[in-house]
Structure formats: C-alpha cells, structure tokens
Amino acid sequence: MKFQAIINENIVEFCVEPQDYGFKVAFTDSTQQIDCKRLSPYSYSLLINGKSYYLSLTQKNGGYRITLNQQSFTVHLKDETQILLDKFGLNKSAEGSSQNIISPIPGLVKQIFVQPGEQVTKGTKLLILEAMKMENEIIAVKTGTIVEIMVKQGQSKNKGDLLVRIEGE
C-alpha cells in the first residue's frame, strides 16, 4: 500500500508490503526489510536491516508524535486514498479539521501574510511564492486557524514541500 509522510516540511512517499516476518518498505531510492514487535499499545521494537530500534508513538495535532531511539519528530501520514483525493482537490480529513498547504511549484518565499494562531477564511492570501520572476499567491483553501508556518521569508522551497498547516471548519 502506498503512503505519504510529512515530516517537518519534507514529504516522503513509500510503499508498505507485508512479508512473512514483518514488512518491506520501499522508498524512491531504497528498500528496507522491517521486523516489528509490539511491546505496549504505544511502543514497538523494530529490527531494520539487522539493526534494532525502539519506537513509541502518540497521536498529536492530526498526526503522530514519534520517538525513535530518543529522537522525536511529528509525522502527518496519508494513505493511498487521501493522496488521490488531494491530487484531485477533494480531500477532507476524517474529522474535516486539518489542511496542509503544499508548494505547487519550486520557488522563493517572497512574503508571508499570516502568523500562527491567526484566523483565516477561504481565499485569504497566505504568502507569495516567487518562481521565474513571477509572484504566485498561495491562498487558504478553507476557513480555520493557522496552526503552523513551515517557511521563512527568503527561503527556497521545492514543489511538494509543506508550507502552512490550517485547522478549523
């Protein structure tokens, strides 16, 4: 099954295939064999290509807070259906509350118009992304609250990078 993980501002696509002894995870440039043993409802022991890892996870802000061998990060995960719905602009999250604004093109963040905690309505200008000397307005696609801004003014972004997270209606 195909998945997409958003970690910090990076998007990682991968496929998971069950195996006799765990599962195989295929990334764009590599494949990992993973054995997984559940230790408790929120913790797991992983054996990845012969190396042992301790993983714990909790749900947080529409995603997961993952600690892997004492290093923590937040991951937002999408399955095949959510990826397809996003592609066609039809995705509403399960609770209908979260929206990730992704960079449609590579470019330079020219100006940011919003701040975390700010209320926005559908169509509100969030930021300007400059590409090939053209300024592209990135707007809110729903009404809600700016939860997180993943970019800074003057920063270069690639197509598909996470720019802003909005939660609300």
N, C-alpha and C. Protein backbone atom coordinates (compact mmCIF):
# COMPACT_ATOMS: atom_id res chain seq x y z
N MET A 1 0.84 -1.18 0.00
CA MET A 1 0.00 0.00 0.00
C MET A 1 0.88 1.24 0.00
N LYS A 2 0.49 2.25 -0.73
CA LYS A 2 1.25 3.49 -0.88
C LYS A 2 0.87 4.46 0.24
N PHE A 3 1.90 5.16 0.79
CA PHE A 3 1.71 6.15 1.84
C PHE A 3 2.54 7.39 1.52
N GLN A 4 2.17 8.48 2.20
CA GLN A 4 2.92 9.73 2.12
C GLN A 4 3.05 10.24 3.54
N ALA A 5 4.29 10.50 3.98
CA ALA A 5 4.55 11.02 5.32
C ALA A 5 5.09 12.44 5.18
N ILE A 6 4.55 13.34 5.99
CA ILE A 6 5.06 14.71 6.03
C ILE A 6 5.78 14.85 7.36
N ILE A 7 7.11 14.99 7.28
CA ILE A 7 7.96 15.08 8.46
C ILE A 7 8.65 16.43 8.40
N ASN A 8 8.37 17.27 9.42
CA ASN A 8 8.80 18.66 9.40
C ASN A 8 8.22 19.27 8.13
N GLU A 9 9.02 19.69 7.17
CA GLU A 9 8.46 20.24 5.94
C GLU A 9 8.75 19.35 4.74
N ASN A 10 9.23 18.15 4.99
CA ASN A 10 9.58 17.23 3.90
C ASN A 10 8.49 16.19 3.69
N ILE A 11 8.25 15.85 2.43
CA ILE A 11 7.28 14.82 2.08
C ILE A 11 8.04 13.59 1.62
N VAL A 12 7.73 12.46 2.24
CA VAL A 12 8.37 11.19 1.90
C VAL A 12 7.29 10.22 1.44
N GLU A 13 7.44 9.70 0.23
CA GLU A 13 6.48 8.72 -0.29
C GLU A 13 7.11 7.33 -0.19
N PHE A 14 6.28 6.35 0.18
CA PHE A 14 6.78 4.99 0.32
C PHE A 14 5.64 3.99 0.18
N CYS A 15 6.00 2.74 -0.09
CA CYS A 15 5.04 1.64 -0.20
C CYS A 15 5.37 0.62 0.88
N VAL A 16 4.33 0.06 1.48
CA VAL A 16 4.50 -0.96 2.51
C VAL A 16 3.90 -2.26 2.00
N GLU A 17 4.68 -3.34 2.10
CA GLU A 17 4.23 -4.65 1.64
C GLU A 17 4.45 -5.67 2.77
N PRO A 18 3.36 -6.31 3.24
CA PRO A 18 3.52 -7.32 4.29
C PRO A 18 4.40 -8.48 3.82
N GLN A 19 5.21 -9.01 4.72
CA GLN A 19 6.08 -10.14 4.45
C GLN A 19 5.83 -11.20 5.52
N ASP A 20 6.41 -12.39 5.36
CA ASP A 20 6.26 -13.44 6.36
C ASP A 20 6.75 -13.00 7.73
N TYR A 21 7.86 -12.30 7.78
CA TYR A 21 8.46 -11.88 9.05
C TYR A 21 8.53 -10.36 9.14
N GLY A 22 7.39 -9.68 9.11
CA GLY A 22 7.36 -8.22 9.20
C GLY A 22 6.84 -7.62 7.92
N PHE A 23 7.54 -6.63 7.40
CA PHE A 23 7.10 -6.00 6.16
C PHE A 23 8.27 -5.34 5.45
N LYS A 24 8.06 -5.06 4.18
CA LYS A 24 9.06 -4.40 3.35
C LYS A 24 8.56 -2.99 3.06
N VAL A 25 9.45 -2.00 3.24
CA VAL A 25 9.12 -0.61 2.95
C VAL A 25 10.01 -0.16 1.80
N ALA A 26 9.37 0.25 0.70
CA ALA A 26 10.11 0.68 -0.49
C ALA A 26 9.99 2.19 -0.64
N PHE A 27 11.13 2.87 -0.61
CA PHE A 27 11.22 4.30 -0.86
C PHE A 27 11.63 4.49 -2.31
N THR A 28 11.73 5.72 -2.76
CA THR A 28 12.12 6.01 -4.13
C THR A 28 13.48 5.41 -4.47
N ASP A 29 14.43 5.52 -3.52
CA ASP A 29 15.80 5.11 -3.80
C ASP A 29 16.30 3.92 -2.99
N SER A 30 15.46 3.33 -2.14
CA SER A 30 15.92 2.19 -1.34
C SER A 30 14.74 1.37 -0.83
N THR A 31 15.07 0.18 -0.34
CA THR A 31 14.07 -0.72 0.24
C THR A 31 14.59 -1.19 1.59
N GLN A 32 13.72 -1.22 2.59
CA GLN A 32 14.09 -1.65 3.93
C GLN A 32 13.23 -2.84 4.34
N GLN A 33 13.85 -3.87 4.93
CA GLN A 33 13.12 -5.01 5.49
C GLN A 33 12.96 -4.72 6.98
N ILE A 34 11.72 -4.75 7.50
CA ILE A 34 11.46 -4.37 8.88
C ILE A 34 10.69 -5.48 9.60
N ASP A 35 11.25 -5.92 10.74
CA ASP A 35 10.54 -6.80 11.66
C ASP A 35 10.03 -5.93 12.78
N CYS A 36 8.78 -6.14 13.20
CA CYS A 36 8.15 -5.26 14.18
C CYS A 36 7.48 -6.10 15.27
N LYS A 37 7.78 -5.81 16.52
CA LYS A 37 7.14 -6.47 17.67
C LYS A 37 6.51 -5.39 18.54
N ARG A 38 5.22 -5.55 18.83
CA ARG A 38 4.51 -4.60 19.69
C ARG A 38 4.87 -4.88 21.14
N LEU A 39 5.34 -3.86 21.86
CA LEU A 39 5.71 -4.00 23.26
C LEU A 39 4.58 -3.55 24.19
N SER A 40 3.85 -2.52 23.76
CA SER A 40 2.71 -1.99 24.50
C SER A 40 1.81 -1.30 23.48
N PRO A 41 0.67 -0.75 23.90
CA PRO A 41 -0.19 -0.09 22.90
C PRO A 41 0.50 1.04 22.13
N TYR A 42 1.55 1.65 22.70
CA TYR A 42 2.19 2.79 22.05
C TYR A 42 3.68 2.62 21.79
N SER A 43 4.21 1.40 21.98
CA SER A 43 5.64 1.22 21.75
C SER A 43 5.91 -0.08 21.01
N TYR A 44 7.00 -0.04 20.22
CA TYR A 44 7.35 -1.16 19.35
C TYR A 44 8.86 -1.36 19.35
N SER A 45 9.26 -2.59 19.11
CA SER A 45 10.65 -2.91 18.88
C SER A 45 10.77 -3.20 17.38
N LEU A 46 11.68 -2.49 16.71
CA LEU A 46 11.87 -2.66 15.27
C LEU A 46 13.25 -3.24 15.00
N LEU A 47 13.32 -4.10 14.02
CA LEU A 47 14.58 -4.60 13.52
C LEU A 47 14.60 -4.23 12.04
N ILE A 48 15.45 -3.25 11.69
CA ILE A 48 15.50 -2.73 10.32
C ILE A 48 16.85 -3.09 9.72
N ASN A 49 16.81 -3.95 8.71
CA ASN A 49 18.03 -4.43 8.06
C ASN A 49 19.08 -4.87 9.08
N GLY A 50 18.63 -5.59 10.12
CA GLY A 50 19.54 -6.14 11.12
C GLY A 50 19.88 -5.22 12.27
N LYS A 51 19.38 -3.97 12.28
CA LYS A 51 19.69 -3.02 13.36
C LYS A 51 18.43 -2.81 14.21
N SER A 52 18.59 -2.80 15.54
CA SER A 52 17.47 -2.72 16.47
C SER A 52 17.12 -1.26 16.81
N TYR A 53 15.80 -0.96 16.88
CA TYR A 53 15.31 0.38 17.22
C TYR A 53 14.14 0.25 18.18
N TYR A 54 13.99 1.25 19.07
CA TYR A 54 12.83 1.34 19.94
C TYR A 54 11.98 2.50 19.44
N LEU A 55 10.69 2.26 19.21
CA LEU A 55 9.79 3.28 18.66
C LEU A 55 8.59 3.44 19.58
N SER A 56 8.25 4.69 19.90
CA SER A 56 7.00 4.96 20.60
C SER A 56 6.25 6.03 19.81
N LEU A 57 4.91 5.96 19.88
CA LEU A 57 4.13 6.95 19.14
C LEU A 57 2.86 7.30 19.89
N THR A 58 2.45 8.54 19.71
CA THR A 58 1.19 9.05 20.26
C THR A 58 0.56 9.95 19.20
N GLN A 59 -0.77 10.01 19.20
CA GLN A 59 -1.44 10.92 18.27
C GLN A 59 -1.31 12.34 18.77
N LYS A 60 -1.09 13.27 17.83
CA LYS A 60 -0.91 14.68 18.19
C LYS A 60 -1.24 15.57 17.00
N ASN A 61 -2.13 16.53 17.18
CA ASN A 61 -2.47 17.53 16.16
C ASN A 61 -2.75 16.93 14.79
N GLY A 62 -3.57 15.90 14.72
CA GLY A 62 -3.91 15.30 13.45
C GLY A 62 -2.81 14.45 12.85
N GLY A 63 -1.74 14.21 13.59
CA GLY A 63 -0.63 13.39 13.13
C GLY A 63 -0.16 12.50 14.26
N TYR A 64 1.12 12.17 14.24
CA TYR A 64 1.70 11.31 15.26
C TYR A 64 3.00 11.92 15.75
N ARG A 65 3.21 11.85 17.05
CA ARG A 65 4.49 12.23 17.65
C ARG A 65 5.26 10.93 17.79
N ILE A 66 6.37 10.80 17.08
CA ILE A 66 7.15 9.57 17.06
C ILE A 66 8.49 9.80 17.73
N THR A 67 8.85 8.87 18.60
CA THR A 67 10.18 8.88 19.21
C THR A 67 10.86 7.60 18.76
N LEU A 68 11.98 7.75 18.08
CA LEU A 68 12.75 6.63 17.57
C LEU A 68 14.14 6.72 18.16
N ASN A 69 14.45 5.77 19.07
CA ASN A 69 15.75 5.79 19.77
C ASN A 69 16.08 7.17 20.32
N GLN A 70 15.16 7.75 21.07
CA GLN A 70 15.31 9.02 21.78
C GLN A 70 15.34 10.26 20.89
N GLN A 71 15.01 10.13 19.62
CA GLN A 71 14.89 11.29 18.73
C GLN A 71 13.41 11.42 18.37
N SER A 72 12.82 12.60 18.64
CA SER A 72 11.38 12.79 18.43
C SER A 72 11.09 13.71 17.26
N PHE A 73 9.96 13.44 16.58
CA PHE A 73 9.50 14.28 15.49
C PHE A 73 8.02 14.02 15.27
N THR A 74 7.35 14.96 14.58
CA THR A 74 5.94 14.84 14.27
C THR A 74 5.78 14.41 12.82
N VAL A 75 4.88 13.46 12.60
CA VAL A 75 4.63 12.93 11.26
C VAL A 75 3.14 13.02 10.96
N HIS A 76 2.80 13.53 9.80
CA HIS A 76 1.42 13.51 9.30
C HIS A 76 1.41 12.49 8.17
N LEU A 77 0.50 11.54 8.27
CA LEU A 77 0.50 10.40 7.36
C LEU A 77 -0.75 10.39 6.49
N LYS A 78 -0.57 10.08 5.21
CA LYS A 78 -1.69 9.95 4.27
C LYS A 78 -1.59 8.59 3.60
N ASP A 79 -2.74 7.93 3.43
CA ASP A 79 -2.76 6.66 2.71
C ASP A 79 -3.08 6.92 1.24
N GLU A 80 -3.17 5.83 0.47
CA GLU A 80 -3.40 5.94 -0.97
C GLU A 80 -4.65 6.76 -1.32
N THR A 81 -5.72 6.52 -0.59
CA THR A 81 -6.97 7.23 -0.85
C THR A 81 -6.82 8.72 -0.61
N GLN A 82 -6.21 9.10 0.53
CA GLN A 82 -6.02 10.51 0.84
C GLN A 82 -5.10 11.19 -0.19
N ILE A 83 -4.09 10.48 -0.65
CA ILE A 83 -3.18 11.04 -1.67
C ILE A 83 -3.95 11.33 -2.95
N LEU A 84 -4.79 10.38 -3.36
CA LEU A 84 -5.60 10.56 -4.57
C LEU A 84 -6.60 11.70 -4.42
N LEU A 85 -7.26 11.76 -3.26
CA LEU A 85 -8.22 12.85 -3.03
C LEU A 85 -7.52 14.20 -3.06
N ASP A 86 -6.32 14.29 -2.47
CA ASP A 86 -5.53 15.53 -2.51
C ASP A 86 -5.21 15.90 -3.95
N LYS A 87 -4.81 14.91 -4.73
CA LYS A 87 -4.42 15.15 -6.12
C LYS A 87 -5.55 15.81 -6.91
N PHE A 88 -6.79 15.41 -6.61
CA PHE A 88 -7.94 15.96 -7.31
C PHE A 88 -8.63 17.09 -6.55
N GLY A 89 -8.00 17.52 -5.43
CA GLY A 89 -8.54 18.63 -4.66
C GLY A 89 -9.82 18.31 -3.93
N LEU A 90 -10.04 17.05 -3.61
CA LEU A 90 -11.28 16.64 -2.97
C LEU A 90 -11.10 16.21 -1.52
N ASN A 91 -9.89 16.28 -0.98
CA ASN A 91 -9.65 15.70 0.34
C ASN A 91 -10.22 16.53 1.47
N LYS A 92 -10.97 15.84 2.31
CA LYS A 92 -11.42 16.37 3.59
C LYS A 92 -10.91 15.36 4.60
N SER A 93 -10.15 15.79 5.60
CA SER A 93 -9.62 14.82 6.56
C SER A 93 -10.76 14.16 7.31
N ALA A 94 -10.47 13.07 7.98
CA ALA A 94 -11.51 12.28 8.66
C ALA A 94 -12.36 13.15 9.57
N GLU A 95 -11.72 14.04 10.30
CA GLU A 95 -12.50 14.92 11.16
C GLU A 95 -12.80 16.23 10.46
N GLY A 96 -12.33 16.39 9.25
CA GLY A 96 -12.60 17.59 8.47
C GLY A 96 -11.93 18.82 9.01
N SER A 97 -10.85 18.65 9.80
CA SER A 97 -10.33 19.79 10.51
C SER A 97 -8.95 20.26 10.08
N SER A 98 -8.20 19.50 9.31
CA SER A 98 -6.82 19.88 9.03
C SER A 98 -6.58 20.00 7.53
N GLN A 99 -5.79 20.99 7.14
CA GLN A 99 -5.45 21.20 5.74
C GLN A 99 -3.98 21.57 5.65
N ASN A 100 -3.23 20.84 4.84
CA ASN A 100 -1.83 21.16 4.60
C ASN A 100 -1.74 21.93 3.28
N ILE A 101 -1.07 23.06 3.31
CA ILE A 101 -0.84 23.85 2.10
C ILE A 101 0.54 23.47 1.60
N ILE A 102 0.58 22.88 0.41
CA ILE A 102 1.80 22.35 -0.19
C ILE A 102 2.22 23.26 -1.35
N SER A 103 3.54 23.42 -1.51
CA SER A 103 4.06 24.25 -2.59
C SER A 103 3.73 23.62 -3.95
N PRO A 104 3.01 24.36 -4.82
CA PRO A 104 2.65 23.80 -6.12
C PRO A 104 3.81 23.84 -7.13
N ILE A 105 4.82 24.67 -6.83
CA ILE A 105 5.97 24.85 -7.73
C ILE A 105 7.22 25.12 -6.89
N PRO A 106 8.40 24.91 -7.45
CA PRO A 106 9.60 25.35 -6.72
C PRO A 106 9.68 26.87 -6.78
N GLY A 107 10.13 27.49 -5.70
CA GLY A 107 10.23 28.94 -5.70
C GLY A 107 10.79 29.50 -4.41
N LEU A 108 10.85 30.81 -4.35
CA LEU A 108 11.38 31.55 -3.21
C LEU A 108 10.22 32.19 -2.46
N VAL A 109 10.20 32.03 -1.15
CA VAL A 109 9.15 32.65 -0.33
C VAL A 109 9.45 34.14 -0.26
N LYS A 110 8.64 34.92 -0.96
CA LYS A 110 8.87 36.37 -1.09
C LYS A 110 8.28 37.13 0.11
N GLN A 111 7.06 36.74 0.54
CA GLN A 111 6.39 37.46 1.62
C GLN A 111 5.39 36.54 2.30
N ILE A 112 5.28 36.64 3.64
CA ILE A 112 4.32 35.86 4.41
C ILE A 112 3.33 36.85 5.03
N PHE A 113 2.03 36.57 4.86
CA PHE A 113 0.99 37.50 5.30
C PHE A 113 0.28 37.08 6.58
N VAL A 114 0.53 35.88 7.08
CA VAL A 114 -0.19 35.37 8.25
C VAL A 114 0.78 34.93 9.33
N GLN A 115 0.23 34.69 10.52
CA GLN A 115 1.02 34.23 11.66
C GLN A 115 0.30 33.07 12.33
N PRO A 116 1.03 32.20 13.03
CA PRO A 116 0.35 31.12 13.76
C PRO A 116 -0.67 31.69 14.74
N GLY A 117 -1.82 31.03 14.82
CA GLY A 117 -2.89 31.46 15.70
C GLY A 117 -3.89 32.39 15.03
N GLU A 118 -3.54 32.90 13.86
CA GLU A 118 -4.41 33.83 13.14
C GLU A 118 -5.57 33.09 12.47
N GLN A 119 -6.77 33.67 12.55
CA GLN A 119 -7.95 33.13 11.88
C GLN A 119 -7.93 33.58 10.42
N VAL A 120 -8.22 32.63 9.50
CA VAL A 120 -8.28 32.96 8.08
C VAL A 120 -9.56 32.40 7.49
N THR A 121 -9.98 32.97 6.38
CA THR A 121 -11.14 32.45 5.67
C THR A 121 -10.67 31.92 4.32
N LYS A 122 -11.51 31.12 3.69
CA LYS A 122 -11.17 30.58 2.38
C LYS A 122 -10.85 31.74 1.45
N GLY A 123 -9.71 31.66 0.76
CA GLY A 123 -9.30 32.71 -0.16
C GLY A 123 -8.33 33.72 0.43
N THR A 124 -8.07 33.66 1.75
CA THR A 124 -7.11 34.57 2.38
C THR A 124 -5.71 34.34 1.82
N LYS A 125 -5.03 35.44 1.48
CA LYS A 125 -3.67 35.33 0.96
C LYS A 125 -2.74 34.95 2.11
N LEU A 126 -2.02 33.81 1.95
CA LEU A 126 -1.13 33.31 2.99
C LEU A 126 0.31 33.77 2.77
N LEU A 127 0.77 33.62 1.51
CA LEU A 127 2.14 34.00 1.20
C LEU A 127 2.31 34.16 -0.31
N ILE A 128 3.45 34.74 -0.69
CA ILE A 128 3.81 34.88 -2.10
C ILE A 128 5.02 33.98 -2.34
N LEU A 129 4.91 33.15 -3.36
CA LEU A 129 6.00 32.27 -3.78
C LEU A 129 6.46 32.76 -5.15
N GLU A 130 7.72 33.18 -5.23
CA GLU A 130 8.25 33.71 -6.49
C GLU A 130 8.96 32.60 -7.26
N ALA A 131 8.58 32.46 -8.53
CA ALA A 131 9.21 31.47 -9.40
C ALA A 131 9.37 32.07 -10.78
N MET A 132 10.57 32.01 -11.32
CA MET A 132 10.88 32.58 -12.63
C MET A 132 10.40 34.02 -12.76
N LYS A 133 10.68 34.80 -11.74
CA LYS A 133 10.35 36.24 -11.69
C LYS A 133 8.85 36.52 -11.70
N MET A 134 8.05 35.50 -11.43
CA MET A 134 6.60 35.69 -11.32
C MET A 134 6.19 35.43 -9.88
N GLU A 135 5.31 36.28 -9.36
CA GLU A 135 4.83 36.12 -8.00
C GLU A 135 3.52 35.32 -8.01
N ASN A 136 3.50 34.22 -7.24
CA ASN A 136 2.34 33.35 -7.16
C ASN A 136 1.73 33.45 -5.77
N GLU A 137 0.47 33.86 -5.70
CA GLU A 137 -0.22 33.95 -4.41
C GLU A 137 -0.64 32.56 -3.97
N ILE A 138 -0.28 32.21 -2.75
CA ILE A 138 -0.72 30.96 -2.15
C ILE A 138 -1.83 31.36 -1.17
N ILE A 139 -3.04 30.80 -1.38
CA ILE A 139 -4.20 31.20 -0.59
C ILE A 139 -4.74 30.05 0.25
N ALA A 140 -5.50 30.40 1.28
CA ALA A 140 -6.16 29.40 2.12
C ALA A 140 -7.29 28.76 1.32
N VAL A 141 -7.38 27.45 1.41
CA VAL A 141 -8.43 26.74 0.69
C VAL A 141 -9.61 26.42 1.61
N LYS A 142 -9.52 26.88 2.86
CA LYS A 142 -10.60 26.66 3.82
C LYS A 142 -10.53 27.71 4.92
N THR A 143 -11.59 27.82 5.67
CA THR A 143 -11.63 28.71 6.83
C THR A 143 -11.06 27.96 8.02
N GLY A 144 -10.26 28.65 8.84
CA GLY A 144 -9.69 27.99 10.01
C GLY A 144 -8.64 28.86 10.68
N THR A 145 -7.80 28.20 11.46
CA THR A 145 -6.74 28.86 12.21
C THR A 145 -5.39 28.37 11.70
N ILE A 146 -4.46 29.30 11.52
CA ILE A 146 -3.10 28.93 11.12
C ILE A 146 -2.46 28.24 12.32
N VAL A 147 -2.11 26.97 12.13
CA VAL A 147 -1.51 26.19 13.21
C VAL A 147 0.00 26.29 13.16
N GLU A 148 0.55 26.21 11.94
CA GLU A 148 1.99 26.16 11.79
C GLU A 148 2.39 26.74 10.44
N ILE A 149 3.44 27.55 10.44
CA ILE A 149 4.02 28.06 9.20
C ILE A 149 5.40 27.42 9.09
N MET A 150 5.59 26.64 8.03
CA MET A 150 6.80 25.84 7.88
C MET A 150 7.89 26.56 7.10
N VAL A 151 7.69 27.81 6.72
CA VAL A 151 8.65 28.53 5.89
C VAL A 151 9.02 29.86 6.51
N LYS A 152 10.10 30.42 6.01
CA LYS A 152 10.53 31.76 6.40
C LYS A 152 10.71 32.59 5.14
N GLN A 153 10.54 33.89 5.27
CA GLN A 153 10.74 34.78 4.13
C GLN A 153 12.17 34.62 3.61
N GLY A 154 12.32 34.53 2.27
CA GLY A 154 13.63 34.39 1.65
C GLY A 154 14.07 32.94 1.48
N GLN A 155 13.28 32.02 2.00
CA GLN A 155 13.62 30.60 1.92
C GLN A 155 13.19 30.00 0.58
N SER A 156 14.03 29.14 0.00
CA SER A 156 13.68 28.44 -1.23
C SER A 156 12.93 27.16 -0.88
N LYS A 157 11.88 26.85 -1.65
CA LYS A 157 11.09 25.64 -1.43
C LYS A 157 10.99 24.87 -2.72
N ASN A 158 10.87 23.56 -2.60
CA ASN A 158 10.68 22.69 -3.74
C ASN A 158 9.19 22.41 -3.93
N LYS A 159 8.82 21.95 -5.11
CA LYS A 159 7.45 21.54 -5.36
C LYS A 159 7.13 20.40 -4.39
N GLY A 160 5.97 20.48 -3.73
CA GLY A 160 5.55 19.43 -2.81
C GLY A 160 5.95 19.67 -1.37
N ASP A 161 6.77 20.70 -1.09
CA ASP A 161 7.14 21.00 0.30
C ASP A 161 5.94 21.56 1.06
N LEU A 162 5.84 21.21 2.32
CA LEU A 162 4.77 21.72 3.18
C LEU A 162 5.06 23.18 3.53
N LEU A 163 4.07 24.06 3.32
CA LEU A 163 4.25 25.48 3.58
C LEU A 163 3.52 25.92 4.86
N VAL A 164 2.22 25.58 4.96
CA VAL A 164 1.38 26.06 6.06
C VAL A 164 0.38 24.96 6.43
N ARG A 165 0.07 24.87 7.75
CA ARG A 165 -1.00 23.97 8.20
C ARG A 165 -2.12 24.81 8.80
N ILE A 166 -3.36 24.51 8.36
CA ILE A 166 -4.55 25.21 8.83
C ILE A 166 -5.47 24.19 9.46
N GLU A 167 -6.05 24.52 10.61
CA GLU A 167 -7.07 23.66 11.23
C GLU A 167 -8.33 24.48 11.45
N GLY A 168 -9.46 23.83 11.32
CA GLY A 168 -10.73 24.52 11.52
C GLY A 168 -11.85 23.79 10.84
N GLU A 169 -12.80 24.56 10.33
CA GLU A 169 -14.03 24.02 9.73
C GLU A 169 -13.79 22.87 8.83
